[in-house]
C-alpha atoms as a PDB file:
ATOM      1  CA  UNK A   1     -66.828 -18.870 -60.930  1.00  0.00           C
ATOM      2  CA  UNK A   2     -66.239 -15.492 -59.538  1.00  0.00           C
ATOM      3  CA  UNK A   3     -67.037 -15.631 -55.753  1.00  0.00           C
ATOM      4  CA  UNK A   4     -68.801 -12.366 -54.644  1.00  0.00           C
ATOM      5  CA  UNK A   5     -68.564 -12.084 -51.088  1.00  0.00           C
ATOM      6  CA  UNK A   6     -71.377 -11.060 -48.695  1.00  0.00           C
ATOM      7  CA  UNK A   7     -71.478  -8.781 -45.735  1.00  0.00           C
ATOM      8  CA  UNK A   8     -71.859 -11.477 -43.457  1.00  0.00           C
ATOM      9  CA  UNK A   9     -68.581 -12.848 -44.751  1.00  0.00           C
ATOM     10  CA  UNK A  10     -67.073  -9.424 -43.680  1.00  0.00           C
ATOM     11  CA  UNK A  11     -68.675  -9.902 -40.073  1.00  0.00           C
ATOM     12  CA  UNK A  12     -66.710 -13.290 -39.934  1.00  0.00           C
ATOM     13  CA  UNK A  13     -63.681 -11.638 -40.606  1.00  0.00           C
ATOM     14  CA  UNK A  14     -63.436  -8.716 -38.186  1.00  0.00           C
ATOM     15  CA  UNK A  15     -65.533  -9.853 -35.224  1.00  0.00           C
ATOM     16  CA  UNK A  16     -62.932 -12.629 -34.178  1.00  0.00           C
ATOM     17  CA  UNK A  17     -60.055  -9.946 -34.711  1.00  0.00           C
ATOM     18  CA  UNK A  18     -61.579  -7.462 -32.519  1.00  0.00           C
ATOM     19  CA  UNK A  19     -61.986 -10.105 -29.880  1.00  0.00           C
ATOM     20  CA  UNK A  20     -58.525 -11.389 -30.229  1.00  0.00           C
ATOM     21  CA  UNK A  21     -56.116  -8.368 -30.721  1.00  0.00           C
ATOM     22  CA  UNK A  22     -52.262  -9.125 -31.217  1.00  0.00           C
ATOM     23  CA  UNK A  23     -50.581  -6.142 -30.752  1.00  0.00           C
ATOM     24  CA  UNK A  24     -46.872  -7.577 -31.135  1.00  0.00           C
ATOM     25  CA  UNK A  25     -47.584  -7.968 -34.874  1.00  0.00           C
ATOM     26  CA  UNK A  26     -49.208  -4.670 -35.860  1.00  0.00           C
ATOM     27  CA  UNK A  27     -47.749  -1.663 -36.972  1.00  0.00           C
ATOM     28  CA  UNK A  28     -50.501   0.550 -36.162  1.00  0.00           C
ATOM     29  CA  UNK A  29     -53.940   0.504 -34.085  1.00  0.00           C
ATOM     30  CA  UNK A  30     -56.368   1.593 -37.122  1.00  0.00           C
ATOM     31  CA  UNK A  31     -57.054  -1.071 -39.781  1.00  0.00           C
ATOM     32  CA  UNK A  32     -55.103  -0.848 -43.072  1.00  0.00           C
ATOM     33  CA  UNK A  33     -56.490  -0.538 -46.440  1.00  0.00           C
ATOM     34  CA  UNK A  34     -58.150  -3.743 -47.678  1.00  0.00           C
ATOM     35  CA  UNK A  35     -55.495  -5.891 -49.288  1.00  0.00           C
ATOM     36  CA  UNK A  36     -54.348  -9.426 -49.671  1.00  0.00           C
ATOM     37  CA  UNK A  37     -51.077 -10.096 -47.438  1.00  0.00           C
ATOM     38  CA  UNK A  38     -50.216 -13.535 -48.647  1.00  0.00           C
ATOM     39  CA  UNK A  39     -51.575 -16.762 -49.804  1.00  0.00           C
ATOM     40  CA  UNK A  40     -50.514 -20.275 -48.937  1.00  0.00           C
ATOM     41  CA  UNK A  41     -49.667 -21.984 -51.230  1.00  0.00           C
ATOM     42  CA  UNK A  42     -47.584 -18.974 -52.468  1.00  0.00           C
ATOM     43  CA  UNK A  43     -47.282 -18.062 -56.105  1.00  0.00           C
ATOM     44  CA  UNK A  44     -45.128 -20.889 -57.925  1.00  0.00           C
ATOM     45  CA  UNK A  45     -45.844 -23.673 -55.367  1.00  0.00           C
ATOM     46  CA  UNK A  46     -46.894 -27.034 -56.295  1.00  0.00           C
ATOM     47  CA  UNK A  47     -49.712 -28.703 -53.980  1.00  0.00           C
ATOM     48  CA  UNK A  48     -51.783 -31.677 -53.823  1.00  0.00           C
ATOM     49  CA  UNK A  49     -55.537 -31.620 -54.929  1.00  0.00           C
ATOM     50  CA  UNK A  50     -56.461 -31.750 -50.860  1.00  0.00           C
ATOM     51  CA  UNK A  51     -54.146 -29.149 -49.931  1.00  0.00           C
ATOM     52  CA  UNK A  52     -55.735 -26.179 -47.992  1.00  0.00           C
ATOM     53  CA  UNK A  53     -55.652 -23.087 -49.802  1.00  0.00           C
ATOM     54  CA  UNK A  54     -55.649 -20.231 -47.505  1.00  0.00           C
ATOM     55  CA  UNK A  55     -55.884 -16.305 -48.188  1.00  0.00           C
ATOM     56  CA  UNK A  56     -54.571 -13.711 -45.515  1.00  0.00           C
ATOM     57  CA  UNK A  57     -56.498 -10.574 -45.718  1.00  0.00           C
ATOM     58  CA  UNK A  58     -55.566  -7.480 -44.043  1.00  0.00           C
ATOM     59  CA  UNK A  59     -58.025  -4.718 -42.840  1.00  0.00           C
ATOM     60  CA  UNK A  60     -61.672  -5.648 -41.776  1.00  0.00           C
ATOM     61  CA  UNK A  61     -62.094  -8.447 -44.272  1.00  0.00           C
ATOM     62  CA  UNK A  62     -64.078  -8.658 -47.519  1.00  0.00           C
ATOM     63  CA  UNK A  63     -66.816  -6.344 -48.354  1.00  0.00           C
ATOM     64  CA  UNK A  64     -69.905  -7.168 -50.365  1.00  0.00           C
ATOM     65  CA  UNK A  65     -68.373  -6.228 -53.786  1.00  0.00           C
ATOM     66  CA  UNK A  66     -65.132  -7.918 -53.151  1.00  0.00           C
ATOM     67  CA  UNK A  67     -64.486 -11.291 -55.229  1.00  0.00           C
ATOM     68  CA  UNK A  68     -62.511 -14.295 -55.127  1.00  0.00           C
ATOM     69  CA  UNK A  69     -61.587 -16.328 -58.281  1.00  0.00           C
ATOM     70  CA  UNK A  70     -59.823 -19.580 -58.757  1.00  0.00           C
ATOM     71  CA  UNK A  71     -59.524 -20.677 -62.217  1.00  0.00           C
ATOM     72  CA  UNK A  72     -58.130 -23.724 -64.231  1.00  0.00           C
ATOM     73  CA  UNK A  73     -56.823 -23.511 -67.830  1.00  0.00           C
ATOM     74  CA  UNK A  74     -58.899 -20.048 -67.965  1.00  0.00           C
ATOM     75  CA  UNK A  75     -62.279 -21.677 -66.559  1.00  0.00           C
ATOM     76  CA  UNK A  76     -63.450 -20.399 -63.358  1.00  0.00           C
ATOM     77  CA  UNK A  77     -63.967 -23.144 -60.755  1.00  0.00           C
ATOM     78  CA  UNK A  78     -66.950 -23.077 -58.229  1.00  0.00           C
ATOM     79  CA  UNK A  79     -65.702 -22.365 -54.708  1.00  0.00           C
ATOM     80  CA  UNK A  80     -66.558 -21.310 -51.275  1.00  0.00           C
ATOM     81  CA  UNK A  81     -64.773 -19.028 -48.975  1.00  0.00           C
ATOM     82  CA  UNK A  82     -64.967 -19.557 -45.490  1.00  0.00           C
ATOM     83  CA  UNK A  83     -63.227 -17.748 -42.477  1.00  0.00           C
ATOM     84  CA  UNK A  84     -60.640 -19.813 -40.526  1.00  0.00           C
ATOM     85  CA  UNK A  85     -58.062 -17.977 -38.281  1.00  0.00           C
ATOM     86  CA  UNK A  86     -56.452 -14.974 -36.945  1.00  0.00           C
ATOM     87  CA  UNK A  87     -53.112 -14.278 -37.866  1.00  0.00           C
ATOM     88  CA  UNK A  88     -52.549 -10.834 -36.222  1.00  0.00           C
ATOM     89  CA  UNK A  89     -54.454  -7.727 -35.213  1.00  0.00           C
ATOM     90  CA  UNK A  90     -55.893  -6.849 -38.688  1.00  0.00           C
ATOM     91  CA  UNK A  91     -55.271  -9.810 -40.789  1.00  0.00           C
ATOM     92  CA  UNK A  92     -57.775 -12.610 -40.836  1.00  0.00           C
ATOM     93  CA  UNK A  93     -57.335 -15.846 -42.616  1.00  0.00           C
ATOM     94  CA  UNK A  94     -59.843 -17.269 -45.073  1.00  0.00           C
ATOM     95  CA  UNK A  95     -59.805 -20.696 -46.926  1.00  0.00           C
ATOM     96  CA  UNK A  96     -60.903 -21.088 -50.532  1.00  0.00           C
ATOM     97  CA  UNK A  97     -62.835 -24.281 -50.763  1.00  0.00           C
ATOM     98  CA  UNK A  98     -63.273 -25.846 -54.239  1.00  0.00           C
ATOM     99  CA  UNK A  99     -66.632 -27.658 -54.559  1.00  0.00           C
ATOM    100  CA  UNK A 100     -64.800 -30.185 -56.894  1.00  0.00           C
ATOM    101  CA  UNK A 101     -61.481 -31.842 -56.064  1.00  0.00           C
ATOM    102  CA  UNK A 102     -58.695 -29.814 -58.173  1.00  0.00           C
ATOM    103  CA  UNK A 103     -57.389 -31.349 -61.294  1.00  0.00           C
ATOM    104  CA  UNK A 104     -53.795 -31.657 -62.343  1.00  0.00           C
ATOM    105  CA  UNK A 105     -52.038 -28.472 -63.900  1.00  0.00           C
ATOM    106  CA  UNK A 106     -51.945 -24.818 -63.278  1.00  0.00           C
ATOM    107  CA  UNK A 107     -54.539 -22.892 -61.203  1.00  0.00           C
ATOM    108  CA  UNK A 108     -54.934 -19.116 -60.846  1.00  0.00           C
ATOM    109  CA  UNK A 109     -56.058 -17.278 -57.719  1.00  0.00           C
ATOM    110  CA  UNK A 110     -57.215 -13.827 -58.184  1.00  0.00           C
ATOM    111  CA  UNK A 111     -58.456 -11.394 -55.218  1.00  0.00           C
ATOM    112  CA  UNK A 112     -60.098  -8.130 -55.920  1.00  0.00           C
ATOM    113  CA  UNK A 113     -61.149  -5.640 -53.507  1.00  0.00           C
ATOM    114  CA  UNK A 114     -63.681  -3.340 -55.302  1.00  0.00           C
ATOM    115  CA  UNK A 115     -63.414  -0.087 -53.411  1.00  0.00           C
ATOM    116  CA  UNK A 116     -63.671   2.926 -55.713  1.00  0.00           C
ATOM    117  CA  UNK A 117     -61.110   5.001 -53.795  1.00  0.00           C
ATOM    118  CA  UNK A 118     -58.683   2.007 -53.045  1.00  0.00           C
ATOM    119  CA  UNK A 119     -58.825  -0.623 -55.725  1.00  0.00           C
ATOM    120  CA  UNK A 120     -56.485  -3.599 -55.049  1.00  0.00           C
ATOM    121  CA  UNK A 121     -55.896  -6.899 -57.027  1.00  0.00           C
ATOM    122  CA  UNK A 122     -53.938  -9.764 -55.950  1.00  0.00           C
ATOM    123  CA  UNK A 123     -53.121 -12.680 -58.143  1.00  0.00           C
ATOM    124  CA  UNK A 124     -50.894 -16.036 -57.588  1.00  0.00           C
ATOM    125  CA  UNK A 125     -50.642 -19.188 -59.487  1.00  0.00           C
ATOM    126  CA  UNK A 126     -49.789 -22.397 -58.257  1.00  0.00           C
ATOM    127  CA  UNK A 127     -49.884 -26.059 -59.687  1.00  0.00           C
ATOM    128  CA  UNK A 128     -51.570 -29.248 -58.551  1.00  0.00           C
ATOM    129  CA  UNK A 129     -49.881 -32.323 -58.679  1.00  0.00           C
ATOM    130  CA  UNK A 130     -51.798 -35.744 -57.336  1.00  0.00           C
ATOM    131  CA  UNK A 131     -48.434 -37.552 -57.265  1.00  0.00           C
ATOM    132  CA  UNK A 132     -46.550 -35.222 -55.001  1.00  0.00           C
ATOM    133  CA  UNK A 133     -45.045 -36.719 -51.970  1.00  0.00           C
ATOM    134  CA  UNK A 134     -46.904 -34.998 -48.855  1.00  0.00           C
ATOM    135  CA  UNK A 135     -44.183 -36.153 -46.358  1.00  0.00           C
ATOM    136  CA  UNK A 136     -44.497 -37.783 -43.021  1.00  0.00           C
ATOM    137  CA  UNK A 137     -47.568 -36.906 -40.889  1.00  0.00           C
ATOM    138  CA  UNK A 138     -46.421 -34.108 -38.794  1.00  0.00           C
ATOM    139  CA  UNK A 139     -45.572 -34.884 -35.072  1.00  0.00           C
ATOM    140  CA  UNK A 140     -46.584 -33.435 -31.836  1.00  0.00           C
ATOM    141  CA  UNK A 141     -45.580 -29.551 -31.412  1.00  0.00           C
ATOM    142  CA  UNK A 142     -43.523 -28.837 -28.319  1.00  0.00           C
ATOM    143  CA  UNK A 143     -44.537 -25.330 -26.881  1.00  0.00           C
ATOM    144  CA  UNK A 144     -44.299 -23.498 -23.559  1.00  0.00           C
ATOM    145  CA  UNK A 145     -47.479 -21.029 -22.364  1.00  0.00           C
ATOM    146  CA  UNK A 146     -46.857 -18.095 -20.347  1.00  0.00           C
ATOM    147  CA  UNK A 147     -49.736 -15.734 -19.181  1.00  0.00           C
ATOM    148  CA  UNK A 148     -49.226 -12.280 -18.109  1.00  0.00           C
ATOM    149  CA  UNK A 149     -51.872 -10.130 -16.104  1.00  0.00           C
ATOM    150  CA  UNK A 150     -52.422  -6.672 -14.901  1.00  0.00           C
ATOM    151  CA  UNK A 151     -54.117  -4.999 -11.946  1.00  0.00           C
ATOM    152  CA  UNK A 152     -55.879  -2.473 -14.199  1.00  0.00           C
ATOM    153  CA  UNK A 153     -56.469  -3.119 -17.966  1.00  0.00           C
ATOM    154  CA  UNK A 154     -53.850  -2.163 -20.403  1.00  0.00           C
ATOM    155  CA  UNK A 155     -53.464   1.368 -21.101  1.00  0.00           C
ATOM    156  CA  UNK A 156     -52.377   1.232 -24.702  1.00  0.00           C
ATOM    157  CA  UNK A 157     -54.264   2.109 -27.833  1.00  0.00           C
ATOM    158  CA  UNK A 158     -54.040  -1.492 -29.466  1.00  0.00           C
ATOM    159  CA  UNK A 159     -55.149  -3.501 -26.514  1.00  0.00           C
ATOM    160  CA  UNK A 160     -57.392  -3.126 -23.600  1.00  0.00           C
ATOM    161  CA  UNK A 161     -57.488  -6.050 -21.343  1.00  0.00           C
ATOM    162  CA  UNK A 162     -56.054  -7.456 -18.209  1.00  0.00           C
ATOM    163  CA  UNK A 163     -54.495 -10.706 -19.412  1.00  0.00           C
ATOM    164  CA  UNK A 164     -52.451 -11.706 -22.352  1.00  0.00           C
ATOM    165  CA  UNK A 165     -50.889 -15.077 -23.747  1.00  0.00           C
ATOM    166  CA  UNK A 166     -47.518 -15.706 -24.539  1.00  0.00           C
ATOM    167  CA  UNK A 167     -46.103 -18.941 -26.556  1.00  0.00           C
ATOM    168  CA  UNK A 168     -42.659 -20.204 -27.206  1.00  0.00           C
ATOM    169  CA  UNK A 169     -43.291 -22.850 -30.074  1.00  0.00           C
ATOM    170  CA  UNK A 170     -40.470 -24.954 -31.090  1.00  0.00           C
ATOM    171  CA  UNK A 171     -40.113 -25.727 -34.773  1.00  0.00           C
ATOM    172  CA  UNK A 172     -40.665 -29.191 -36.165  1.00  0.00           C
ATOM    173  CA  UNK A 173     -37.617 -30.929 -38.098  1.00  0.00           C
ATOM    174  CA  UNK A 174     -39.952 -31.176 -41.017  1.00  0.00           C
ATOM    175  CA  UNK A 175     -41.698 -27.987 -41.795  1.00  0.00           C
ATOM    176  CA  UNK A 176     -45.683 -28.655 -41.976  1.00  0.00           C
ATOM    177  CA  UNK A 177     -48.008 -26.589 -44.105  1.00  0.00           C
ATOM    178  CA  UNK A 178     -48.648 -24.571 -41.214  1.00  0.00           C
ATOM    179  CA  UNK A 179     -49.275 -24.580 -37.268  1.00  0.00           C
ATOM    180  CA  UNK A 180     -52.901 -24.471 -35.785  1.00  0.00           C
ATOM    181  CA  UNK A 181     -53.028 -22.882 -32.586  1.00  0.00           C
ATOM    182  CA  UNK A 182     -56.307 -22.908 -30.436  1.00  0.00           C
ATOM    183  CA  UNK A 183     -57.185 -20.935 -27.246  1.00  0.00           C
ATOM    184  CA  UNK A 184     -60.064 -22.790 -25.558  1.00  0.00           C
ATOM    185  CA  UNK A 185     -62.189 -21.002 -23.049  1.00  0.00           C
ATOM    186  CA  UNK A 186     -64.540 -22.608 -20.743  1.00  0.00           C
ATOM    187  CA  UNK A 187     -68.130 -21.885 -21.739  1.00  0.00           C
ATOM    188  CA  UNK A 188     -66.839 -19.735 -24.716  1.00  0.00           C
ATOM    189  CA  UNK A 189     -65.917 -20.328 -28.255  1.00  0.00           C
ATOM    190  CA  UNK A 190     -62.439 -21.247 -29.034  1.00  0.00           C
ATOM    191  CA  UNK A 191     -60.263 -18.726 -30.852  1.00  0.00           C
ATOM    192  CA  UNK A 192     -57.836 -20.273 -33.626  1.00  0.00           C
ATOM    193  CA  UNK A 193     -54.643 -18.676 -34.896  1.00  0.00           C
ATOM    194  CA  UNK A 194     -52.476 -19.566 -37.367  1.00  0.00           C
ATOM    195  CA  UNK A 195     -48.633 -19.699 -37.517  1.00  0.00           C
ATOM    196  CA  UNK A 196     -46.598 -20.287 -40.676  1.00  0.00           C
ATOM    197  CA  UNK A 197     -43.346 -22.295 -40.339  1.00  0.00           C
ATOM    198  CA  UNK A 198     -41.344 -19.058 -40.606  1.00  0.00           C
ATOM    199  CA  UNK A 199     -43.198 -17.648 -37.671  1.00  0.00           C
ATOM    200  CA  UNK A 200     -42.244 -20.610 -35.458  1.00  0.00           C
ATOM    201  CA  UNK A 201     -38.552 -19.956 -34.391  1.00  0.00           C
ATOM    202  CA  UNK A 202     -38.581 -20.957 -30.582  1.00  0.00           C
ATOM    203  CA  UNK A 203     -38.944 -17.177 -29.612  1.00  0.00           C
ATOM    204  CA  UNK A 204     -41.446 -15.538 -27.250  1.00  0.00           C
ATOM    205  CA  UNK A 205     -44.518 -14.309 -29.364  1.00  0.00           C
ATOM    206  CA  UNK A 206     -47.584 -12.750 -27.835  1.00  0.00           C
ATOM    207  CA  UNK A 207     -51.033 -13.640 -28.468  1.00  0.00           C
ATOM    208  CA  UNK A 208     -53.779 -10.932 -27.447  1.00  0.00           C
ATOM    209  CA  UNK A 209     -56.193 -13.510 -25.928  1.00  0.00           C
ATOM    210  CA  UNK A 210     -57.603 -12.213 -22.465  1.00  0.00           C
ATOM    211  CA  UNK A 211     -59.117 -15.722 -21.682  1.00  0.00           C
ATOM    212  CA  UNK A 212     -57.776 -18.837 -22.184  1.00  0.00           C
ATOM    213  CA  UNK A 213     -58.271 -21.924 -20.036  1.00  0.00           C
ATOM    214  CA  UNK A 214     -56.204 -24.277 -22.204  1.00  0.00           C
ATOM    215  CA  UNK A 215     -54.061 -23.882 -25.066  1.00  0.00           C
ATOM    216  CA  UNK A 216     -53.530 -26.446 -27.853  1.00  0.00           C
ATOM    217  CA  UNK A 217     -51.172 -26.542 -31.100  1.00  0.00           C
ATOM    218  CA  UNK A 218     -51.126 -29.129 -33.769  1.00  0.00           C
ATOM    219  CA  UNK A 219     -49.226 -29.086 -37.150  1.00  0.00           C
ATOM    220  CA  UNK A 220     -51.146 -29.505 -40.529  1.00  0.00           C
ATOM    221  CA  UNK A 221     -49.456 -31.244 -43.365  1.00  0.00           C
ATOM    222  CA  UNK A 222     -49.390 -30.530 -47.097  1.00  0.00           C
ATOM    223  CA  UNK A 223     -52.415 -33.040 -47.491  1.00  0.00           C
ATOM    224  CA  UNK A 224     -54.288 -31.311 -44.802  1.00  0.00           C
ATOM    225  CA  UNK A 225     -53.908 -34.124 -42.428  1.00  0.00           C
ATOM    226  CA  UNK A 226     -53.198 -32.922 -38.697  1.00  0.00           C
ATOM    227  CA  UNK A 227     -50.382 -34.225 -36.527  1.00  0.00           C
ATOM    228  CA  UNK A 228     -50.890 -35.266 -32.986  1.00  0.00           C
ATOM    229  CA  UNK A 229     -51.996 -32.260 -30.818  1.00  0.00           C
ATOM    230  CA  UNK A 230     -50.404 -31.052 -27.569  1.00  0.00           C
ATOM    231  CA  UNK A 231     -52.690 -29.382 -25.002  1.00  0.00           C
ATOM    232  CA  UNK A 232     -52.095 -27.643 -21.716  1.00  0.00           C
ATOM    233  CA  UNK A 233     -54.704 -26.429 -19.382  1.00  0.00           C
ATOM    234  CA  UNK A 234     -52.254 -24.478 -17.076  1.00  0.00           C
ATOM    235  CA  UNK A 235     -49.638 -22.016 -18.138  1.00  0.00           C
ATOM    236  CA  UNK A 236     -45.986 -22.813 -17.370  1.00  0.00           C
ATOM    237  CA  UNK A 237     -45.343 -19.478 -16.166  1.00  0.00           C
ATOM    238  CA  UNK A 238     -47.587 -16.593 -14.803  1.00  0.00           C
ATOM    239  CA  UNK A 239     -46.647 -12.901 -14.012  1.00  0.00           C
ATOM    240  CA  UNK A 240     -48.645 -10.138 -12.526  1.00  0.00           C
ATOM    241  CA  UNK A 241     -48.154  -6.431 -12.302  1.00  0.00           C
ATOM    242  CA  UNK A 242     -49.652  -3.910 -10.132  1.00  0.00           C
ATOM    243  CA  UNK A 243     -50.298  -0.976 -12.380  1.00  0.00           C
ATOM    244  CA  UNK A 244     -52.568   0.488 -10.263  1.00  0.00           C
ATOM    245  CA  UNK A 245     -50.347   3.155  -8.778  1.00  0.00           C
ATOM    246  CA  UNK A 246     -47.657   3.420 -11.582  1.00  0.00           C
ATOM    247  CA  UNK A 247     -47.846   3.008 -15.277  1.00  0.00           C
ATOM    248  CA  UNK A 248     -46.958  -0.635 -16.495  1.00  0.00           C
ATOM    249  CA  UNK A 249     -47.880  -2.501 -19.704  1.00  0.00           C
ATOM    250  CA  UNK A 250     -47.676  -5.791 -20.935  1.00  0.00           C
ATOM    251  CA  UNK A 251     -44.190  -6.889 -22.028  1.00  0.00           C
ATOM    252  CA  UNK A 252     -42.207  -5.745 -19.155  1.00  0.00           C
ATOM    253  CA  UNK A 253     -41.735  -9.166 -17.474  1.00  0.00           C
ATOM    254  CA  UNK A 254     -38.347 -10.821 -17.328  1.00  0.00           C
ATOM    255  CA  UNK A 255     -39.570 -14.524 -17.688  1.00  0.00           C
ATOM    256  CA  UNK A 256     -36.094 -15.808 -16.930  1.00  0.00           C
ATOM    257  CA  UNK A 257     -36.807 -14.463 -13.318  1.00  0.00           C
ATOM    258  CA  UNK A 258     -40.208 -16.080 -13.086  1.00  0.00           C
ATOM    259  CA  UNK A 259     -40.570 -19.581 -11.713  1.00  0.00           C
ATOM    260  CA  UNK A 260     -43.796 -21.354 -12.373  1.00  0.00           C
ATOM    261  CA  UNK A 261     -47.142 -19.498 -11.224  1.00  0.00           C
ATOM    262  CA  UNK A 262     -46.264 -18.619  -7.788  1.00  0.00           C
ATOM    263  CA  UNK A 263     -44.610 -15.412  -8.492  1.00  0.00           C
ATOM    264  CA  UNK A 264     -47.946 -13.640  -9.039  1.00  0.00           C
ATOM    265  CA  UNK A 265     -48.856 -13.779  -5.449  1.00  0.00           C
ATOM    266  CA  UNK A 266     -45.476 -13.004  -4.219  1.00  0.00           C
ATOM    267  CA  UNK A 267     -45.146  -9.975  -6.710  1.00  0.00           C
ATOM    268  CA  UNK A 268     -48.829  -8.725  -5.490  1.00  0.00           C
ATOM    269  CA  UNK A 269     -47.946  -9.395  -1.984  1.00  0.00           C
ATOM    270  CA  UNK A 270     -50.867 -11.311  -1.377  1.00  0.00           C
ATOM    271  CA  UNK A 271     -48.962 -14.291   0.068  1.00  0.00           C
ATOM    272  CA  UNK A 272     -47.072 -12.259   2.581  1.00  0.00           C
ATOM    273  CA  UNK A 273     -49.881  -9.978   3.556  1.00  0.00           C
ATOM    274  CA  UNK A 274     -52.713 -12.222   3.892  1.00  0.00           C
ATOM    275  CA  UNK A 275     -51.106 -15.710   4.498  1.00  0.00           C
ATOM    276  CA  UNK A 276     -50.796 -15.118   8.233  1.00  0.00           C
ATOM    277  CA  UNK A 277     -52.397 -18.299   9.460  1.00  0.00           C
ATOM    278  CA  UNK A 278     -49.375 -20.101  10.113  1.00  0.00           C
ATOM    279  CA  UNK A 279     -47.673 -17.063  11.870  1.00  0.00           C
ATOM    280  CA  UNK A 280     -50.647 -16.080  13.987  1.00  0.00           C
ATOM    281  CA  UNK A 281     -51.688 -19.631  14.902  1.00  0.00           C
ATOM    282  CA  UNK A 282     -55.294 -18.777  15.577  1.00  0.00           C
ATOM    283  CA  UNK A 283     -56.623 -21.476  13.996  1.00  0.00           C
ATOM    284  CA  UNK A 284     -54.663 -24.091  15.504  1.00  0.00           C
ATOM    285  CA  UNK A 285     -53.384 -22.694  18.767  1.00  0.00           C
ATOM    286  CA  UNK A 286     -56.664 -20.736  20.132  1.00  0.00           C
ATOM    287  CA  UNK A 287     -59.251 -22.446  17.970  1.00  0.00           C
ATOM    288  CA  UNK A 288     -60.883 -18.987  17.860  1.00  0.00           C
ATOM    289  CA  UNK A 289     -61.118 -18.829  14.098  1.00  0.00           C
ATOM    290  CA  UNK A 290     -64.949 -18.287  13.828  1.00  0.00           C
ATOM    291  CA  UNK A 291     -65.000 -16.120  17.189  1.00  0.00           C
ATOM    292  CA  UNK A 292     -62.313 -13.801  16.064  1.00  0.00           C
ATOM    293  CA  UNK A 293     -63.235 -13.280  12.684  1.00  0.00           C
ATOM    294  CA  UNK A 294     -59.836 -14.697  11.533  1.00  0.00           C
ATOM    295  CA  UNK A 295     -61.436 -16.754   8.916  1.00  0.00           C
ATOM    296  CA  UNK A 296     -63.002 -13.695   7.176  1.00  0.00           C
ATOM    297  CA  UNK A 297     -59.944 -11.466   7.730  1.00  0.00           C
ATOM    298  CA  UNK A 298     -57.124 -13.955   7.021  1.00  0.00           C
ATOM    299  CA  UNK A 299     -58.712 -16.604   4.961  1.00  0.00           C
ATOM    300  CA  UNK A 300     -58.704 -14.518   1.813  1.00  0.00           C
ATOM    301  CA  UNK A 301     -55.243 -15.992   0.580  1.00  0.00           C
ATOM    302  CA  UNK A 302     -56.826 -18.377  -1.637  1.00  0.00           C
ATOM    303  CA  UNK A 303     -59.605 -16.025  -2.920  1.00  0.00           C
ATOM    304  CA  UNK A 304     -57.113 -13.181  -3.825  1.00  0.00           C
ATOM    305  CA  UNK A 305     -54.174 -15.108  -4.976  1.00  0.00           C
ATOM    306  CA  UNK A 306     -56.347 -17.283  -7.211  1.00  0.00           C
ATOM    307  CA  UNK A 307     -56.951 -14.054  -9.584  1.00  0.00           C
ATOM    308  CA  UNK A 308     -53.304 -13.591 -10.071  1.00  0.00           C
ATOM    309  CA  UNK A 309     -53.301 -16.471 -12.774  1.00  0.00           C
ATOM    310  CA  UNK A 310     -56.613 -16.156 -14.047  1.00  0.00           C
ATOM    311  CA  UNK A 311     -57.697 -14.471 -17.206  1.00  0.00           C
ATOM    312  CA  UNK A 312     -60.180 -11.640 -16.275  1.00  0.00           C
ATOM    313  CA  UNK A 313     -60.563  -9.656 -19.411  1.00  0.00           C
ATOM    314  CA  UNK A 314     -63.529  -8.096 -18.021  1.00  0.00           C
ATOM    315  CA  UNK A 315     -62.954  -4.796 -19.969  1.00  0.00           C
ATOM    316  CA  UNK A 316     -62.076  -6.370 -23.532  1.00  0.00           C
ATOM    317  CA  UNK A 317     -65.639  -6.503 -24.308  1.00  0.00           C
ATOM    318  CA  UNK A 318     -66.223  -3.010 -24.405  1.00  0.00           C
ATOM    319  CA  UNK A 319     -63.079  -2.381 -26.396  1.00  0.00           C
ATOM    320  CA  UNK A 320     -64.301  -5.451 -28.848  1.00  0.00           C
ATOM    321  CA  UNK A 321     -67.587  -3.702 -29.470  1.00  0.00           C
ATOM    322  CA  UNK A 322     -65.642  -0.221 -30.217  1.00  0.00           C
ATOM    323  CA  UNK A 323     -63.695  -2.064 -32.858  1.00  0.00           C
ATOM    324  CA  UNK A 324     -66.803  -3.609 -34.230  1.00  0.00           C
ATOM    325  CA  UNK A 325     -68.431  -0.532 -34.570  1.00  0.00           C
ATOM    326  CA  UNK A 326     -65.395   0.870 -36.436  1.00  0.00           C
ATOM    327  CA  UNK A 327     -65.564  -2.154 -38.857  1.00  0.00           C
ATOM    328  CA  UNK A 328     -69.321  -1.410 -39.571  1.00  0.00           C
ATOM    329  CA  UNK A 329     -68.378   2.099 -40.239  1.00  0.00           C
ATOM    330  CA  UNK A 330     -65.821   1.203 -42.779  1.00  0.00           C
ATOM    331  CA  UNK A 331     -68.307  -1.323 -44.254  1.00  0.00           C
ATOM    332  CA  UNK A 332     -70.642   1.159 -44.825  1.00  0.00           C
ATOM    333  CA  UNK A 333     -68.177   3.394 -46.444  1.00  0.00           C
ATOM    334  CA  UNK A 334     -66.989   0.785 -48.966  1.00  0.00           C
ATOM    335  CA  UNK A 335     -70.501  -0.684 -49.947  1.00  0.00           C
END
């Protein structure tokens, strides 16, 4: 079955990318031409019938005339294609879902972008073996979460927000099919990233998610089963930079010099400047807190300092809207 993809599917591709934005993985800040970056399984792999089939699509995703075909023995299979993850700034991950379990033998996956100016076709073949050993269920994933905030939104052309998240993920001894990373937001939709085993190397990687109240990671096995998830609802380290008077952007923090999340207040000077309750002793010694207005003047430590380790992201929505309009313009050109 040749699966023709609708404009609604295209919207599902580029809206999460506009809201997420991972500048560290992008070579440029304009969308590349539509193309297939990679597939999982890769060409020549052997999988189980229940193994998730993922395709990484560059650009703004699929257009209404683009097609995905999965065939066995030259016969097209009935499939659905659904958005699943973000991989980086302009790469979205879709899952190819067969309506019936895959049979034994070779399968051919073909993805065609029907752009009259920039036609692009991708093909990969893999085999299905129901007797393949999926290996043990993936274990829990160890990771560390850092959050960096700026006084003013970032001024670079790839990312416009006041916060960004960093993760250091320790690879599992037994490689899973992939790692699933969820950034949960109170009162908002969660944002899901994917990391391939080759991407998980115990090094610092940035994720352009301005708002994240909790981070959850789990490993997905070859059979699609998930291992135990690990979730944190507070960063292990936080850093805040005042870029209101001098230029500063994300990525300038030496995390070895940061201890926990207290450094944000110290760097901003709020703890020293406003935390004068003990030094002045007005509340305990003179009992004149209300009369002298000390509560209003000095009692701002908690209010001001709490912003240091929070994800504001207040300016990201306008930037996301701009990217959305660019995507719609591209879609109109291609359709």
